[in-house]
């Protein structure tokens, strides 16, 4: 009989465990039932928060830079570097976690720090940049990012427009001639798990504005301001998949930085070396905090399962809560899912005890699939 070799390729359990901790707990549970089991861990991410941590776990070097946070305060942001490839996560610079005391700034939050973080990667010699976008506090169409890289956004009086998406309503001229010339020689990959356009009913303000504190009135203001911004920079790219990612920073990267969009999990699996790890495995364990309809639309477990199914390797999943029917799991290529909620129905307790509960779930996997 073939020696079992398990690949643990799971995303974080948001609010309770990082992807690295998930891998550690699953490994501990498996080996409690099958001592000496060969386990390889490859924490994964889909371009959103946790992407830099996944790259570092895969052998990239963690680098830090002081940049401008979403409301103007300085923050420390990390990126990952290996050779001439950098993994930059916009949430590190412009994410919701940087809002002081959770006070939202839907009209004025800026992506300026994300541009500074890209510049830091350029300074470090990166010629390929995987730009993971998600978890943003911003809806400025990437204008702040572009300004940090040398663009100028001016009102009718020739003065810089105000920060954030709200300020773009006054935009009269966009001057991109001062953009950092190094960007021309960089392969910039926009890695995202969302394919929304910039504006409209499926656009960034309407779909994601509320989670950034935007009122219905703010959403209307932001949608109109971004449409105006796109009319000046180039409306043809505003409808492209990913233009609406992370408050429209995707549009800024596509229209002005020559970025190309790829589903975040596909990019990250390439960058992290998933294919060779998969070739060594006889069983794959993936997962994330909530397995639900969103999972099926480009989230990490769906990408892992699709790749494993293509290689003919069985996949099981772990999660905090499961909101998918067995048929949906099967269509995604997941043989079975193990939810912490089945072990501890109280969500608060389940999150607080996620580590030990995950070990118990992994013991069940070992008994069901490896014994």
Protein backbone atom coordinates (compact mmCIF):
# COMPACT_ATOMS: atom_id res chain seq x y z
CA UNK A 1 0.00 0.00 0.00
CA UNK A 2 1.24 3.49 -0.87
CA UNK A 3 2.62 5.45 2.08
CA UNK A 4 0.19 8.21 2.99
CA UNK A 5 1.50 11.72 2.56
CA UNK A 6 -0.77 14.59 3.50
CA UNK A 7 -0.57 18.13 2.14
CA UNK A 8 -2.23 20.72 4.38
CA UNK A 9 -3.01 23.73 2.16
CA UNK A 10 -5.57 25.82 4.06
CA UNK A 11 -6.29 29.52 4.40
CA UNK A 12 -6.71 31.34 7.73
CA UNK A 13 -9.75 31.03 10.00
CA UNK A 14 -10.45 34.74 10.10
CA UNK A 15 -10.57 36.11 13.65
CA UNK A 16 -9.16 32.98 15.28
CA UNK A 17 -6.25 31.25 13.50
CA UNK A 18 -3.68 32.25 10.89
CA UNK A 19 -3.10 29.89 7.97
CA UNK A 20 0.17 28.81 9.61
CA UNK A 21 -1.63 27.99 12.88
CA UNK A 22 -4.31 26.05 10.99
CA UNK A 23 -1.58 23.90 9.40
CA UNK A 24 0.10 23.33 12.78
CA UNK A 25 -3.13 22.28 14.50
CA UNK A 26 -4.21 19.98 11.68
CA UNK A 27 -0.79 18.33 11.66
CA UNK A 28 -0.90 17.77 15.44
CA UNK A 29 -4.36 16.17 15.24
CA UNK A 30 -3.42 13.89 12.34
CA UNK A 31 -0.26 12.65 14.05
CA UNK A 32 -2.11 11.92 17.28
CA UNK A 33 -3.95 9.19 15.36
CA UNK A 34 -1.20 8.25 12.88
CA UNK A 35 2.18 8.82 14.60
CA UNK A 36 4.99 9.56 12.18
CA UNK A 37 2.60 10.48 9.37
CA UNK A 38 4.30 12.38 6.55
CA UNK A 39 2.69 15.84 6.48
CA UNK A 40 3.72 18.78 4.30
CA UNK A 41 2.21 22.18 5.08
CA UNK A 42 1.68 24.98 2.60
CA UNK A 43 -0.42 27.80 4.11
CA UNK A 44 -2.32 29.51 1.29
CA UNK A 45 -4.08 32.81 0.64
CA UNK A 46 -6.13 34.25 -2.20
CA UNK A 47 -4.65 37.75 -2.42
CA UNK A 48 -6.49 39.21 0.57
CA UNK A 49 -5.18 39.67 4.10
CA UNK A 50 -2.79 36.87 5.02
CA UNK A 51 -1.14 36.78 1.60
CA UNK A 52 2.23 38.09 2.78
CA UNK A 53 2.19 35.67 5.73
CA UNK A 54 1.57 32.75 3.35
CA UNK A 55 4.49 33.85 1.16
CA UNK A 56 6.79 34.13 4.18
CA UNK A 57 5.75 30.65 5.34
CA UNK A 58 6.73 29.38 1.87
CA UNK A 59 10.24 30.80 2.17
CA UNK A 60 9.96 34.44 1.12
CA UNK A 61 11.78 37.04 3.22
CA UNK A 62 9.57 39.37 5.24
CA UNK A 63 10.38 43.05 4.69
CA UNK A 64 8.79 46.08 6.37
CA UNK A 65 8.24 49.70 5.39
CA UNK A 66 6.73 52.72 7.14
CA UNK A 67 3.89 53.99 4.97
CA UNK A 68 0.83 56.20 5.13
CA UNK A 69 -2.22 54.46 6.58
CA UNK A 70 -5.75 54.87 5.18
CA UNK A 71 -6.53 57.93 7.31
CA UNK A 72 -3.08 59.51 7.02
CA UNK A 73 -1.35 58.11 10.11
CA UNK A 74 1.96 56.29 9.59
CA UNK A 75 1.72 52.48 9.79
CA UNK A 76 4.23 49.64 9.48
CA UNK A 77 3.42 47.42 6.52
CA UNK A 78 5.05 44.16 5.48
CA UNK A 79 5.72 42.71 2.07
CA UNK A 80 7.51 39.51 1.02
CA UNK A 81 10.53 39.15 -1.25
CA UNK A 82 12.29 36.20 -2.86
CA UNK A 83 14.85 36.99 -5.53
CA UNK A 84 13.25 39.53 -7.83
CA UNK A 85 9.66 38.54 -6.95
CA UNK A 86 7.73 40.51 -4.36
CA UNK A 87 4.34 39.79 -2.82
CA UNK A 88 2.64 43.02 -1.81
CA UNK A 89 -0.64 42.97 0.12
CA UNK A 90 -2.56 46.23 -0.08
CA UNK A 91 -4.37 45.51 3.21
CA UNK A 92 -0.98 45.76 4.96
CA UNK A 93 -0.93 49.46 4.09
CA UNK A 94 -4.57 50.40 3.46
CA UNK A 95 -6.59 47.73 5.25
CA UNK A 96 -9.54 48.01 7.61
CA UNK A 97 -7.29 46.96 10.51
CA UNK A 98 -5.51 50.33 10.27
CA UNK A 99 -8.61 52.41 11.02
CA UNK A 100 -8.10 53.92 14.48
CA UNK A 101 -10.64 52.43 16.93
CA UNK A 102 -12.52 51.06 13.94
CA UNK A 103 -13.76 54.52 12.94
CA UNK A 104 -14.55 54.34 9.24
CA UNK A 105 -13.63 57.01 6.69
CA UNK A 106 -15.53 55.91 3.58
CA UNK A 107 -15.14 59.17 1.63
CA UNK A 108 -11.58 60.10 2.60
CA UNK A 109 -9.63 56.85 3.22
CA UNK A 110 -6.66 56.68 0.86
CA UNK A 111 -4.55 54.00 -0.81
CA UNK A 112 -1.48 56.26 -0.72
CA UNK A 113 0.35 53.80 1.54
CA UNK A 114 -0.25 50.98 -0.92
CA UNK A 115 1.63 53.00 -3.52
CA UNK A 116 4.44 53.58 -1.04
CA UNK A 117 4.56 49.83 -0.37
CA UNK A 118 4.83 49.11 -4.12
CA UNK A 119 7.66 51.67 -4.28
CA UNK A 120 9.43 49.87 -1.42
CA UNK A 121 9.24 46.62 -3.42
CA UNK A 122 10.70 48.44 -6.44
CA UNK A 123 13.49 49.81 -4.23
CA UNK A 124 14.25 46.24 -3.14
CA UNK A 125 14.80 45.25 -6.78
CA UNK A 126 11.51 43.51 -7.54
CA UNK A 127 10.75 43.05 -11.24
CA UNK A 128 7.72 40.79 -10.68
CA UNK A 129 5.17 42.02 -8.16
CA UNK A 130 2.16 40.00 -7.08
CA UNK A 131 -0.21 42.68 -5.81
CA UNK A 132 -2.80 41.07 -3.56
CA UNK A 133 -5.85 43.28 -3.12
CA UNK A 134 -8.64 42.81 -0.59
CA UNK A 135 -9.63 43.83 2.92
CA UNK A 136 -9.30 47.52 2.11
CA UNK A 137 -10.62 50.46 4.12
CA UNK A 138 -10.67 52.52 0.93
CA UNK A 139 -12.83 53.37 -2.09
CA UNK A 140 -10.57 55.76 -3.99
CA UNK A 141 -10.09 53.87 -7.27
CA UNK A 142 -6.39 53.57 -6.51
CA UNK A 143 -5.88 57.33 -6.90
CA UNK A 144 -3.92 57.52 -3.65
CA UNK A 145 -1.69 54.64 -4.75
CA UNK A 146 -1.00 56.34 -8.09
CA UNK A 147 -0.27 59.67 -6.37
CA UNK A 148 2.33 57.96 -4.17
CA UNK A 149 3.94 56.61 -7.35
CA UNK A 150 4.16 60.05 -8.98
CA UNK A 151 0.75 60.76 -10.56
CA UNK A 152 -1.00 64.11 -9.97
CA UNK A 153 -4.77 64.55 -9.62
CA UNK A 154 -5.76 68.20 -9.90
CA UNK A 155 -8.98 70.19 -9.54
CA UNK A 156 -10.10 73.07 -11.78
CA UNK A 157 -7.73 75.44 -9.94
CA UNK A 158 -4.74 73.18 -10.52
CA UNK A 159 -4.61 72.11 -6.87
CA UNK A 160 -4.45 68.46 -5.72
CA UNK A 161 -7.90 66.99 -5.06
CA UNK A 162 -8.76 65.82 -1.55
CA UNK A 163 -7.87 62.34 -0.31
CA UNK A 164 -10.19 59.40 -0.85
CA UNK A 165 -12.95 58.61 -3.28
CA UNK A 166 -14.97 61.65 -2.25
CA UNK A 167 -12.22 64.00 -3.45
CA UNK A 168 -12.36 62.59 -6.98
CA UNK A 169 -15.65 64.40 -7.64
CA UNK A 170 -13.57 67.58 -8.07
CA UNK A 171 -11.04 66.00 -10.45
CA UNK A 172 -10.37 68.08 -13.56
CA UNK A 173 -6.99 66.71 -14.72
CA UNK A 174 -5.05 63.50 -14.22
CA UNK A 175 -1.34 63.79 -15.00
CA UNK A 176 0.34 60.37 -15.12
CA UNK A 177 3.57 61.61 -16.74
CA UNK A 178 5.42 61.54 -13.40
CA UNK A 179 4.74 57.89 -12.62
CA UNK A 180 7.82 55.98 -11.40
CA UNK A 181 9.61 54.92 -14.63
CA UNK A 182 10.61 51.59 -13.07
CA UNK A 183 6.98 50.49 -13.34
CA UNK A 184 7.39 50.09 -17.12
CA UNK A 185 9.81 47.19 -16.57
CA UNK A 186 7.75 45.39 -13.90
CA UNK A 187 5.35 42.50 -14.37
CA UNK A 188 2.57 43.60 -12.02
CA UNK A 189 -0.02 40.89 -11.35
CA UNK A 190 -3.28 42.02 -9.81
CA UNK A 191 -4.27 39.10 -7.58
CA UNK A 192 -7.83 39.20 -6.31
CA UNK A 193 -10.70 36.91 -5.45
CA UNK A 194 -13.30 39.40 -6.75
CA UNK A 195 -14.09 40.23 -10.37
CA UNK A 196 -16.40 43.21 -9.85
CA UNK A 197 -16.30 46.21 -12.20
CA UNK A 198 -15.46 49.66 -10.83
CA UNK A 199 -18.95 51.19 -10.68
CA UNK A 200 -22.64 50.39 -11.06
CA UNK A 201 -24.85 47.83 -9.30
CA UNK A 202 -21.98 45.32 -9.03
CA UNK A 203 -19.30 47.98 -8.56
CA UNK A 204 -16.98 48.65 -5.63
CA UNK A 205 -19.09 51.27 -3.77
CA UNK A 206 -22.39 49.40 -4.06
CA UNK A 207 -21.10 45.91 -3.21
CA UNK A 208 -18.36 46.70 -0.66
CA UNK A 209 -18.98 50.26 0.50
CA UNK A 210 -21.20 49.39 3.45
CA UNK A 211 -18.56 47.19 5.09
CA UNK A 212 -16.27 50.25 4.99
CA UNK A 213 -18.82 52.41 6.80
CA UNK A 214 -20.45 54.06 3.77
CA UNK A 215 -24.05 55.24 4.09
CA UNK A 216 -26.44 54.98 1.15
CA UNK A 217 -25.70 58.64 0.40
CA UNK A 218 -21.94 57.99 0.59
CA UNK A 219 -22.30 55.08 -1.84
CA UNK A 220 -24.04 57.30 -4.38
CA UNK A 221 -21.32 59.97 -3.96
CA UNK A 222 -18.52 57.42 -4.34
CA UNK A 223 -20.09 55.72 -7.35
CA UNK A 224 -20.50 59.06 -9.16
CA UNK A 225 -16.98 60.19 -8.18
CA UNK A 226 -15.39 56.96 -9.42
CA UNK A 227 -17.37 57.12 -12.68
CA UNK A 228 -16.09 60.69 -13.17
CA UNK A 229 -12.52 59.57 -12.35
CA UNK A 230 -12.79 56.73 -14.90
CA UNK A 231 -14.14 59.11 -17.55
CA UNK A 232 -10.85 61.04 -17.26
CA UNK A 233 -8.41 58.11 -16.91
CA UNK A 234 -10.13 55.76 -19.37
CA UNK A 235 -13.59 54.25 -19.01
CA UNK A 236 -12.85 51.14 -21.08
CA UNK A 237 -10.94 49.45 -18.24
CA UNK A 238 -13.56 50.27 -15.59
CA UNK A 239 -15.67 47.27 -16.62
CA UNK A 240 -12.79 44.76 -16.59
CA UNK A 241 -12.86 41.92 -14.05
CA UNK A 242 -11.03 43.05 -10.92
CA UNK A 243 -11.40 46.79 -11.60
CA UNK A 244 -13.67 47.04 -8.56
CA UNK A 245 -11.36 45.04 -6.29
CA UNK A 246 -10.43 46.68 -2.97
CA UNK A 247 -12.37 49.89 -3.48
CA UNK A 248 -11.31 50.22 -7.11
CA UNK A 249 -7.56 49.95 -6.54
CA UNK A 250 -7.76 47.24 -9.20
CA UNK A 251 -8.87 49.84 -11.74
CA UNK A 252 -5.97 52.13 -10.85
CA UNK A 253 -3.50 49.28 -11.31
CA UNK A 254 -5.07 48.15 -14.60
CA UNK A 255 -5.46 51.56 -16.20
CA UNK A 256 -2.21 53.23 -15.13
CA UNK A 257 0.29 50.57 -14.03
CA UNK A 258 -0.14 48.03 -16.83
CA UNK A 259 -1.25 45.36 -14.36
CA UNK A 260 -2.80 42.10 -15.50
CA UNK A 261 -5.60 40.52 -13.50
CA UNK A 262 -5.46 36.90 -12.36
CA UNK A 263 -7.60 35.11 -9.76
CA UNK A 264 -5.68 35.49 -6.51
CA UNK A 265 -5.61 31.85 -5.52
CA UNK A 266 -4.23 30.79 -8.94
CA UNK A 267 -1.40 33.31 -8.66
CA UNK A 268 -0.62 32.38 -5.08
CA UNK A 269 -0.57 28.64 -5.77
CA UNK A 270 2.01 29.32 -8.51
CA UNK A 271 4.09 31.62 -6.29
CA UNK A 272 3.99 29.29 -3.29
CA UNK A 273 5.05 26.18 -5.23
CA UNK A 274 1.80 24.27 -4.86
CA UNK A 275 2.19 22.02 -7.94
CA UNK A 276 5.34 20.19 -6.76
CA UNK A 277 3.91 19.83 -3.25
CA UNK A 278 0.69 18.41 -4.71
CA UNK A 279 2.67 15.88 -6.75
CA UNK A 280 4.07 14.46 -3.49
CA UNK A 281 0.66 14.13 -1.76
CA UNK A 282 -1.85 11.31 -1.46
CA UNK A 283 -4.44 13.41 0.43
CA UNK A 284 -4.97 17.17 0.52
CA UNK A 285 -6.58 19.03 3.43
CA UNK A 286 -7.76 22.56 2.67
CA UNK A 287 -10.16 24.95 4.38
CA UNK A 288 -10.98 28.39 5.76
CA UNK A 289 -13.11 29.91 8.51
CA UNK A 290 -16.41 29.72 6.64
CA UNK A 291 -17.11 27.33 3.78
CA UNK A 292 -20.04 28.97 2.00
CA UNK A 293 -21.21 30.20 -1.41
CA UNK A 294 -18.38 32.75 -1.50
CA UNK A 295 -15.86 29.92 -1.18
CA UNK A 296 -16.94 28.59 -4.55
CA UNK A 297 -16.18 31.91 -6.27
CA UNK A 298 -12.40 31.97 -6.27
CA UNK A 299 -11.58 31.56 -2.58
CA UNK A 300 -8.51 29.56 -1.57
CA UNK A 301 -10.17 26.18 -0.78
CA UNK A 302 -11.94 26.11 -4.16
CA UNK A 303 -8.67 26.78 -5.98
CA UNK A 304 -6.81 24.12 -4.00
CA UNK A 305 -9.59 21.58 -4.56
CA UNK A 306 -9.77 22.29 -8.30
CA UNK A 307 -6.02 21.77 -8.73
CA UNK A 308 -6.04 18.59 -6.63
CA UNK A 309 -9.03 17.15 -8.51
CA UNK A 310 -7.21 17.73 -11.80
CA UNK A 311 -4.29 15.75 -10.39
CA UNK A 312 -6.61 12.97 -9.17
CA UNK A 313 -5.87 13.52 -5.48
CA UNK A 314 -8.61 13.36 -2.84
CA UNK A 315 -9.43 16.54 -0.92
CA UNK A 316 -11.12 17.08 2.43
CA UNK A 317 -11.77 20.41 4.09
CA UNK A 318 -11.81 21.89 7.57
CA UNK A 319 -13.79 24.99 8.49
CA UNK A 320 -15.30 26.89 11.38
CA UNK A 321 -18.78 26.80 9.92
CA UNK A 322 -20.16 24.90 6.95
CA UNK A 323 -22.91 26.45 4.82
CA UNK A 324 -22.61 24.24 1.74
CA UNK A 325 -24.61 21.12 0.91
CA UNK A 326 -22.68 17.88 0.23
CA UNK A 327 -23.55 18.21 -3.48
CA UNK A 328 -21.93 21.64 -3.67
CA UNK A 329 -18.82 20.33 -1.92
CA UNK A 330 -18.65 17.43 -4.34
CA UNK A 331 -18.94 19.76 -7.34
CA UNK A 332 -16.04 21.77 -5.91
CA UNK A 333 -13.94 18.61 -5.63
CA UNK A 334 -14.16 18.29 -1.82
CA UNK A 335 -14.98 14.77 -0.60
CA UNK A 336 -16.01 15.84 2.89
CA UNK A 337 -15.88 18.88 5.19
CA UNK A 338 -15.27 18.88 8.92
CA UNK A 339 -16.77 21.90 10.70
CA UNK A 340 -15.79 23.09 14.18
CA UNK A 341 -19.44 24.12 14.64
CA UNK A 342 -20.32 20.41 14.73
CA UNK A 343 -18.02 19.99 17.72
CA UNK A 344 -18.95 23.28 19.44
CA UNK A 345 -22.21 24.94 18.33
CA UNK A 346 -21.63 28.22 20.21
CA UNK A 347 -19.82 30.45 17.64
CA UNK A 348 -18.00 32.53 20.28
CA UNK A 349 -16.68 29.43 22.07
CA UNK A 350 -15.83 27.79 18.75
CA UNK A 351 -13.72 30.79 17.70
CA UNK A 352 -12.04 31.04 21.09
CA UNK A 353 -11.25 27.30 21.13
CA UNK A 354 -10.57 26.97 17.41
CA UNK A 355 -7.10 25.45 17.87
CA UNK A 356 -8.03 22.48 20.08
CA UNK A 357 -11.27 21.92 18.14
CA UNK A 358 -9.34 21.84 14.86
CA UNK A 359 -7.02 19.20 16.29
CA UNK A 360 -10.08 17.10 17.14
CA UNK A 361 -11.43 17.56 13.59
CA UNK A 362 -8.05 16.47 12.20
CA UNK A 363 -8.15 13.34 14.39
CA UNK A 364 -11.49 12.49 12.74
CA UNK A 365 -9.96 12.99 9.29
CA UNK A 366 -7.09 10.66 10.20
CA UNK A 367 -9.52 7.98 11.40
CA UNK A 368 -11.80 8.36 8.35
CA UNK A 369 -9.18 8.68 5.60
CA UNK A 370 -5.81 7.44 6.89
CA UNK A 371 -6.38 4.58 9.31
